[in-house]
Every structure is written in structure tokens, then in C-alpha cells.
Amino acid sequence: AAQKIVGRWDSVTSENFEEYMKECGVGLIVRKAAANIKVTLDIKQVGNKWVCAQESTFKNTSLEFELDKEFEETTPDGRKYMTLITVTPDNKMVQRQKKIKDSDKDSTITRYLDGDDTLVVIMECGNVTCRRTYKRQK
């Protein structure tokens, strides 16, 4: 069922994203640049590997992972985490980022479908929650 998340997605709404980035420790210049850009997500599954590519006018990034296997993730702004991505019984893809450096903060990113054509991404760090939505490209 997690395969339903595969596809190309265009960002539609973003609530509290700048506050979330600030809570995570993202620098001011990067926050300002990233807060208002439109993003396209390209999510693929190849065998056991997942690839989540994020494309924008600001920066293109790619995250490769296998479900239920911890790996070291480098965020787009260069912070490093030990990350584990799992799928819950209700088909939510949950990404738990555990800080490596004391100055960073743990974060949880939950992705799930609302109907067939809306991807909801909930990002949590400290007491800040961000909600971003994406529409499936036709």
C-alpha cells in the first residue's frame, strides 16, 4: 500500500514551514530562500530501495533509503541525522531523524495520502508542527 505514494507531486500549501526550519536550526538565509519556493517531489521505488527526489529553483536533493533500515541522512542544509523510515499499519510513511550533534534536534516527518491525489507531509520538531500538501501530477 505504501506504493501508492509513488509518483510526481507538486507543492500546493505550506503552513508553518519557516517556523519548523527555525526550530530545527536551519540558518536564516536558507530558511528565507526555502520558505516560499514551489517544490516537485518525485517518489520512486526500485526493488527494496526508495528514492525521494525534491526539485525546485533553489536546490535539488535526493534521499535514497530502504524501509526499516537505519541510515545516515544529510539534510539539504548539511545537518546529519541517523534516520529510520517505516510504514505504519495505516499506511503512513514515518521518517524519524535522530540527531548526531548535540546542537541539532530530533525531527519526525510523516507522509500519507489524503484520497488518491493529495500527499500530506507533517513535519515535527520540538513543539513546532508544519503541514505541507502536494497534488499528484496528471
N, C-alpha and C. Protein backbone atom coordinates (compact mmCIF):
# COMPACT_ATOMS: atom_id res chain seq x y z
N ALA A 1 0.82 -1.21 0.00
CA ALA A 1 0.00 0.00 0.00
C ALA A 1 0.86 1.27 0.00
N ALA A 2 2.08 1.18 0.54
CA ALA A 2 2.97 2.35 0.52
C ALA A 2 3.30 2.74 -0.91
N GLN A 3 3.16 1.78 -1.85
CA GLN A 3 3.48 2.06 -3.25
C GLN A 3 2.58 3.15 -3.83
N LYS A 4 1.41 3.38 -3.24
CA LYS A 4 0.50 4.41 -3.76
C LYS A 4 1.12 5.81 -3.68
N ILE A 5 2.15 5.96 -2.86
CA ILE A 5 2.81 7.26 -2.69
C ILE A 5 3.77 7.55 -3.85
N VAL A 6 4.07 6.50 -4.64
CA VAL A 6 4.96 6.65 -5.79
C VAL A 6 4.31 7.58 -6.81
N GLY A 7 5.12 8.51 -7.36
CA GLY A 7 4.64 9.43 -8.38
C GLY A 7 5.31 10.78 -8.29
N ARG A 8 4.82 11.70 -9.12
CA ARG A 8 5.32 13.08 -9.09
C ARG A 8 4.27 13.97 -8.45
N TRP A 9 4.74 14.83 -7.54
CA TRP A 9 3.85 15.65 -6.71
C TRP A 9 4.29 17.11 -6.75
N ASP A 10 3.34 18.01 -6.92
CA ASP A 10 3.63 19.45 -6.91
C ASP A 10 3.14 20.07 -5.61
N SER A 11 3.98 20.91 -4.98
CA SER A 11 3.59 21.55 -3.72
C SER A 11 2.42 22.50 -3.96
N VAL A 12 1.48 22.48 -3.00
CA VAL A 12 0.27 23.31 -3.09
C VAL A 12 0.21 24.27 -1.91
N THR A 13 0.29 23.72 -0.69
CA THR A 13 0.22 24.58 0.50
C THR A 13 1.37 24.25 1.44
N SER A 14 1.72 25.23 2.26
CA SER A 14 2.77 25.06 3.25
C SER A 14 2.42 25.93 4.45
N GLU A 15 2.16 25.28 5.59
CA GLU A 15 1.82 26.02 6.81
C GLU A 15 2.91 25.81 7.85
N ASN A 16 3.50 26.90 8.32
CA ASN A 16 4.45 26.85 9.44
C ASN A 16 5.81 26.30 9.04
N PHE A 17 6.13 26.25 7.73
CA PHE A 17 7.38 25.63 7.30
C PHE A 17 8.59 26.43 7.79
N GLU A 18 8.53 27.76 7.70
CA GLU A 18 9.67 28.56 8.14
C GLU A 18 9.90 28.39 9.65
N GLU A 19 8.81 28.33 10.43
CA GLU A 19 8.94 28.13 11.87
C GLU A 19 9.54 26.75 12.17
N TYR A 20 9.12 25.74 11.40
CA TYR A 20 9.67 24.39 11.56
C TYR A 20 11.18 24.40 11.30
N MET A 21 11.59 25.02 10.18
CA MET A 21 13.02 25.06 9.84
C MET A 21 13.80 25.79 10.93
N LYS A 22 13.23 26.89 11.46
CA LYS A 22 13.90 27.64 12.52
C LYS A 22 14.09 26.76 13.75
N GLU A 23 13.07 26.00 14.13
CA GLU A 23 13.14 25.10 15.28
C GLU A 23 14.21 24.03 15.07
N CYS A 24 14.35 23.56 13.83
CA CYS A 24 15.35 22.53 13.50
C CYS A 24 16.77 23.10 13.51
N GLY A 25 16.91 24.42 13.43
CA GLY A 25 18.22 25.03 13.42
C GLY A 25 18.72 25.42 12.04
N VAL A 26 17.81 25.49 11.07
CA VAL A 26 18.20 25.91 9.72
C VAL A 26 18.50 27.41 9.75
N GLY A 27 19.60 27.81 9.12
CA GLY A 27 20.03 29.21 9.11
C GLY A 27 19.04 30.14 8.41
N LEU A 28 19.09 31.41 8.76
CA LEU A 28 18.15 32.42 8.27
C LEU A 28 18.09 32.50 6.74
N ILE A 29 19.23 32.58 6.08
CA ILE A 29 19.25 32.77 4.63
C ILE A 29 18.61 31.57 3.92
N VAL A 30 18.97 30.38 4.35
CA VAL A 30 18.39 29.16 3.76
C VAL A 30 16.89 29.11 4.04
N ARG A 31 16.49 29.46 5.28
CA ARG A 31 15.06 29.46 5.64
C ARG A 31 14.28 30.38 4.72
N LYS A 32 14.78 31.60 4.54
CA LYS A 32 14.08 32.58 3.71
C LYS A 32 13.96 32.10 2.27
N ALA A 33 15.03 31.49 1.76
CA ALA A 33 15.02 31.01 0.37
C ALA A 33 14.07 29.82 0.22
N ALA A 34 14.10 28.91 1.19
CA ALA A 34 13.33 27.67 1.08
C ALA A 34 11.85 27.85 1.42
N ALA A 35 11.52 28.89 2.19
CA ALA A 35 10.16 29.02 2.72
C ALA A 35 9.11 29.21 1.63
N ASN A 36 9.47 29.88 0.54
CA ASN A 36 8.45 30.27 -0.43
C ASN A 36 8.58 29.64 -1.80
N ILE A 37 9.45 28.64 -1.94
CA ILE A 37 9.62 28.05 -3.26
C ILE A 37 8.61 26.93 -3.50
N LYS A 38 8.28 26.74 -4.76
CA LYS A 38 7.44 25.62 -5.16
C LYS A 38 8.33 24.41 -5.39
N VAL A 39 7.91 23.27 -4.89
CA VAL A 39 8.71 22.06 -4.93
C VAL A 39 7.95 20.97 -5.69
N THR A 40 8.70 20.18 -6.46
CA THR A 40 8.16 18.97 -7.06
C THR A 40 8.86 17.79 -6.41
N LEU A 41 8.06 16.85 -5.89
CA LEU A 41 8.60 15.63 -5.32
C LEU A 41 8.44 14.52 -6.36
N ASP A 42 9.48 13.72 -6.52
CA ASP A 42 9.43 12.57 -7.42
C ASP A 42 9.78 11.36 -6.57
N ILE A 43 8.78 10.54 -6.26
CA ILE A 43 8.98 9.40 -5.37
C ILE A 43 8.92 8.12 -6.19
N LYS A 44 9.98 7.33 -6.07
CA LYS A 44 10.09 6.07 -6.84
C LYS A 44 10.45 4.94 -5.90
N GLN A 45 10.10 3.73 -6.34
CA GLN A 45 10.55 2.53 -5.62
C GLN A 45 11.18 1.61 -6.65
N VAL A 46 12.43 1.22 -6.38
CA VAL A 46 13.15 0.30 -7.25
C VAL A 46 13.61 -0.87 -6.39
N GLY A 47 12.92 -2.00 -6.50
CA GLY A 47 13.22 -3.12 -5.63
C GLY A 47 12.96 -2.72 -4.18
N ASN A 48 13.97 -2.94 -3.30
CA ASN A 48 13.83 -2.55 -1.89
C ASN A 48 14.15 -1.09 -1.66
N LYS A 49 14.76 -0.44 -2.65
CA LYS A 49 15.19 0.96 -2.48
C LYS A 49 14.08 1.94 -2.84
N TRP A 50 13.99 2.99 -2.04
CA TRP A 50 13.10 4.11 -2.32
C TRP A 50 13.98 5.30 -2.66
N VAL A 51 13.51 6.13 -3.58
CA VAL A 51 14.19 7.37 -3.93
C VAL A 51 13.16 8.50 -3.89
N CYS A 52 13.44 9.49 -3.05
CA CYS A 52 12.59 10.68 -2.97
C CYS A 52 13.43 11.86 -3.46
N ALA A 53 13.15 12.31 -4.66
CA ALA A 53 13.87 13.45 -5.23
C ALA A 53 13.02 14.69 -5.04
N GLN A 54 13.66 15.77 -4.64
CA GLN A 54 12.98 17.05 -4.44
C GLN A 54 13.60 18.05 -5.41
N GLU A 55 12.77 18.61 -6.29
CA GLU A 55 13.26 19.54 -7.30
C GLU A 55 12.64 20.91 -7.06
N SER A 56 13.49 21.96 -7.14
CA SER A 56 12.99 23.33 -7.02
C SER A 56 13.99 24.27 -7.67
N THR A 57 13.60 25.53 -7.77
CA THR A 57 14.51 26.53 -8.33
C THR A 57 15.66 26.82 -7.37
N PHE A 58 15.49 26.44 -6.08
CA PHE A 58 16.51 26.73 -5.06
C PHE A 58 17.57 25.64 -5.02
N LYS A 59 17.14 24.38 -4.91
CA LYS A 59 18.08 23.28 -4.76
C LYS A 59 17.37 21.97 -5.09
N ASN A 60 18.10 21.07 -5.74
CA ASN A 60 17.58 19.73 -5.98
C ASN A 60 18.28 18.77 -5.03
N THR A 61 17.51 17.91 -4.39
CA THR A 61 18.07 16.94 -3.46
C THR A 61 17.46 15.58 -3.72
N SER A 62 18.13 14.55 -3.23
CA SER A 62 17.62 13.21 -3.38
C SER A 62 17.91 12.42 -2.12
N LEU A 63 16.94 11.66 -1.67
CA LEU A 63 17.08 10.82 -0.49
C LEU A 63 16.83 9.38 -0.91
N GLU A 64 17.83 8.51 -0.71
CA GLU A 64 17.68 7.09 -1.04
C GLU A 64 17.70 6.30 0.25
N PHE A 65 16.77 5.34 0.37
CA PHE A 65 16.69 4.57 1.60
C PHE A 65 15.96 3.26 1.37
N GLU A 66 16.10 2.36 2.36
CA GLU A 66 15.31 1.14 2.42
C GLU A 66 14.46 1.25 3.68
N LEU A 67 13.21 0.82 3.59
CA LEU A 67 12.33 0.85 4.75
C LEU A 67 12.91 -0.02 5.86
N ASP A 68 12.74 0.43 7.09
CA ASP A 68 13.13 -0.32 8.30
C ASP A 68 14.64 -0.53 8.43
N LYS A 69 15.46 0.25 7.71
CA LYS A 69 16.91 0.16 7.85
C LYS A 69 17.44 1.55 8.17
N GLU A 70 18.08 1.69 9.35
CA GLU A 70 18.62 2.99 9.74
C GLU A 70 19.79 3.37 8.83
N PHE A 71 19.89 4.66 8.50
CA PHE A 71 20.97 5.15 7.65
C PHE A 71 21.33 6.57 8.08
N GLU A 72 22.50 7.03 7.63
CA GLU A 72 22.89 8.41 7.92
C GLU A 72 22.36 9.31 6.82
N GLU A 73 21.58 10.30 7.21
CA GLU A 73 20.98 11.25 6.28
C GLU A 73 21.66 12.60 6.43
N THR A 74 21.94 13.24 5.30
CA THR A 74 22.40 14.63 5.32
C THR A 74 21.27 15.48 4.76
N THR A 75 20.78 16.42 5.57
CA THR A 75 19.66 17.27 5.14
C THR A 75 20.14 18.25 4.06
N PRO A 76 19.20 18.86 3.32
CA PRO A 76 19.60 19.81 2.27
C PRO A 76 20.51 20.94 2.76
N ASP A 77 20.41 21.30 4.05
CA ASP A 77 21.28 22.37 4.56
C ASP A 77 22.51 21.83 5.27
N GLY A 78 22.76 20.49 5.17
CA GLY A 78 24.03 19.95 5.65
C GLY A 78 24.04 19.32 7.03
N ARG A 79 22.91 19.33 7.74
CA ARG A 79 22.87 18.68 9.06
C ARG A 79 22.82 17.16 8.85
N LYS A 80 23.40 16.40 9.81
CA LYS A 80 23.43 14.93 9.68
C LYS A 80 22.59 14.28 10.78
N TYR A 81 21.85 13.25 10.38
CA TYR A 81 20.98 12.51 11.30
C TYR A 81 21.12 11.02 11.05
N MET A 82 20.82 10.23 12.09
CA MET A 82 20.57 8.81 11.90
C MET A 82 19.06 8.71 11.68
N THR A 83 18.67 8.19 10.53
CA THR A 83 17.27 8.23 10.11
C THR A 83 16.74 6.82 9.91
N LEU A 84 15.50 6.62 10.33
CA LEU A 84 14.79 5.37 10.12
C LEU A 84 13.43 5.71 9.52
N ILE A 85 13.11 5.06 8.41
CA ILE A 85 11.82 5.29 7.75
C ILE A 85 11.03 3.99 7.78
N THR A 86 9.81 4.06 8.31
CA THR A 86 8.94 2.90 8.44
C THR A 86 7.57 3.23 7.85
N VAL A 87 6.77 2.19 7.65
CA VAL A 87 5.39 2.38 7.22
C VAL A 87 4.50 1.83 8.33
N THR A 88 3.54 2.63 8.78
CA THR A 88 2.65 2.24 9.86
C THR A 88 1.51 1.38 9.30
N PRO A 89 0.79 0.68 10.18
CA PRO A 89 -0.34 -0.14 9.71
C PRO A 89 -1.40 0.67 8.93
N ASP A 90 -1.51 1.97 9.23
CA ASP A 90 -2.48 2.79 8.49
C ASP A 90 -1.83 3.49 7.29
N ASN A 91 -0.74 2.92 6.78
CA ASN A 91 -0.09 3.35 5.54
C ASN A 91 0.52 4.75 5.57
N LYS A 92 1.00 5.16 6.73
CA LYS A 92 1.74 6.42 6.80
C LYS A 92 3.22 6.08 6.74
N MET A 93 3.98 6.86 5.98
CA MET A 93 5.43 6.67 5.90
C MET A 93 6.04 7.64 6.91
N VAL A 94 6.69 7.09 7.93
CA VAL A 94 7.21 7.91 9.04
C VAL A 94 8.73 7.91 9.00
N GLN A 95 9.29 9.13 8.93
CA GLN A 95 10.74 9.33 8.88
C GLN A 95 11.17 9.94 10.21
N ARG A 96 11.94 9.16 10.99
CA ARG A 96 12.42 9.66 12.29
C ARG A 96 13.88 10.02 12.17
N GLN A 97 14.19 11.30 12.37
CA GLN A 97 15.56 11.79 12.29
C GLN A 97 16.08 11.97 13.71
N LYS A 98 17.12 11.17 14.07
CA LYS A 98 17.74 11.29 15.40
C LYS A 98 19.03 12.09 15.24
N LYS A 99 19.15 13.12 16.06
CA LYS A 99 20.32 13.99 15.96
C LYS A 99 21.60 13.23 16.24
N ILE A 100 22.66 13.65 15.56
CA ILE A 100 24.00 13.13 15.82
C ILE A 100 24.76 14.15 16.67
N LYS A 101 24.66 15.44 16.29
CA LYS A 101 25.30 16.52 17.05
C LYS A 101 24.35 17.04 18.13
N ASP A 102 24.90 17.35 19.30
CA ASP A 102 24.07 17.86 20.39
C ASP A 102 23.32 19.13 20.03
N SER A 103 23.89 19.94 19.13
CA SER A 103 23.28 21.22 18.79
C SER A 103 22.05 21.05 17.88
N ASP A 104 21.88 19.86 17.28
CA ASP A 104 20.72 19.62 16.42
C ASP A 104 19.55 19.12 17.26
N LYS A 105 18.39 18.98 16.62
CA LYS A 105 17.20 18.49 17.31
C LYS A 105 16.59 17.36 16.50
N ASP A 106 16.01 16.38 17.22
CA ASP A 106 15.30 15.30 16.56
C ASP A 106 14.10 15.86 15.81
N SER A 107 13.71 15.15 14.76
CA SER A 107 12.58 15.59 13.95
C SER A 107 11.84 14.36 13.43
N THR A 108 10.54 14.50 13.23
CA THR A 108 9.73 13.42 12.64
C THR A 108 8.95 13.98 11.46
N ILE A 109 9.03 13.27 10.33
CA ILE A 109 8.32 13.68 9.12
C ILE A 109 7.38 12.52 8.74
N THR A 110 6.09 12.80 8.69
CA THR A 110 5.08 11.79 8.37
C THR A 110 4.43 12.13 7.04
N ARG A 111 4.41 11.15 6.13
CA ARG A 111 3.81 11.35 4.81
C ARG A 111 2.65 10.37 4.65
N TYR A 112 1.52 10.88 4.16
CA TYR A 112 0.39 9.99 3.91
C TYR A 112 -0.50 10.57 2.82
N LEU A 113 -1.31 9.70 2.21
CA LEU A 113 -2.22 10.14 1.16
C LEU A 113 -3.57 10.52 1.76
N ASP A 114 -4.12 11.60 1.23
CA ASP A 114 -5.48 12.02 1.55
C ASP A 114 -6.24 11.86 0.23
N GLY A 115 -6.96 10.76 0.08
CA GLY A 115 -7.54 10.42 -1.21
C GLY A 115 -6.44 9.89 -2.12
N ASP A 116 -6.65 9.95 -3.42
CA ASP A 116 -5.65 9.42 -4.36
C ASP A 116 -4.68 10.48 -4.86
N ASP A 117 -5.08 11.75 -4.77
CA ASP A 117 -4.27 12.76 -5.46
C ASP A 117 -3.69 13.83 -4.55
N THR A 118 -3.77 13.64 -3.21
CA THR A 118 -3.18 14.61 -2.28
C THR A 118 -2.22 13.90 -1.34
N LEU A 119 -0.97 14.39 -1.32
CA LEU A 119 0.05 13.89 -0.39
C LEU A 119 0.18 14.92 0.73
N VAL A 120 0.02 14.46 1.97
CA VAL A 120 0.14 15.34 3.13
C VAL A 120 1.46 15.00 3.83
N VAL A 121 2.24 16.03 4.17
CA VAL A 121 3.51 15.85 4.87
C VAL A 121 3.44 16.67 6.16
N ILE A 122 3.54 15.97 7.29
CA ILE A 122 3.53 16.62 8.61
C ILE A 122 4.97 16.56 9.14
N MET A 123 5.53 17.72 9.46
CA MET A 123 6.91 17.80 9.95
C MET A 123 6.88 18.34 11.37
N GLU A 124 7.53 17.59 12.30
CA GLU A 124 7.50 17.98 13.71
C GLU A 124 8.91 18.06 14.28
N CYS A 125 9.18 19.17 14.98
CA CYS A 125 10.45 19.35 15.66
C CYS A 125 10.18 20.20 16.89
N GLY A 126 10.63 19.73 18.06
CA GLY A 126 10.32 20.45 19.29
C GLY A 126 8.82 20.55 19.43
N ASN A 127 8.31 21.78 19.66
CA ASN A 127 6.86 21.94 19.78
C ASN A 127 6.27 22.60 18.53
N VAL A 128 7.00 22.52 17.41
CA VAL A 128 6.53 23.13 16.16
C VAL A 128 6.09 22.04 15.18
N THR A 129 4.90 22.23 14.60
CA THR A 129 4.38 21.32 13.60
C THR A 129 4.11 22.09 12.32
N CYS A 130 4.56 21.52 11.21
CA CYS A 130 4.38 22.10 9.89
C CYS A 130 3.54 21.13 9.07
N ARG A 131 2.67 21.65 8.21
CA ARG A 131 1.85 20.81 7.33
C ARG A 131 2.03 21.32 5.90
N ARG A 132 2.45 20.40 5.02
CA ARG A 132 2.60 20.74 3.60
C ARG A 132 1.77 19.76 2.79
N THR A 133 1.14 20.26 1.73
CA THR A 133 0.36 19.38 0.88
C THR A 133 0.85 19.47 -0.56
N TYR A 134 0.69 18.36 -1.26
CA TYR A 134 1.13 18.24 -2.66
C TYR A 134 0.01 17.58 -3.46
N LYS A 135 -0.13 17.97 -4.74
CA LYS A 135 -1.10 17.34 -5.64
C LYS A 135 -0.35 16.46 -6.63
N ARG A 136 -0.93 15.30 -6.93
CA ARG A 136 -0.32 14.37 -7.86
C ARG A 136 -0.38 14.97 -9.27
N GLN A 137 0.74 14.89 -9.98
CA GLN A 137 0.76 15.34 -11.37
C GLN A 137 -0.05 14.35 -12.21
N LYS A 138 -0.80 14.87 -13.15
CA LYS A 138 -1.63 14.01 -14.02
C LYS A 138 -0.78 13.40 -15.10
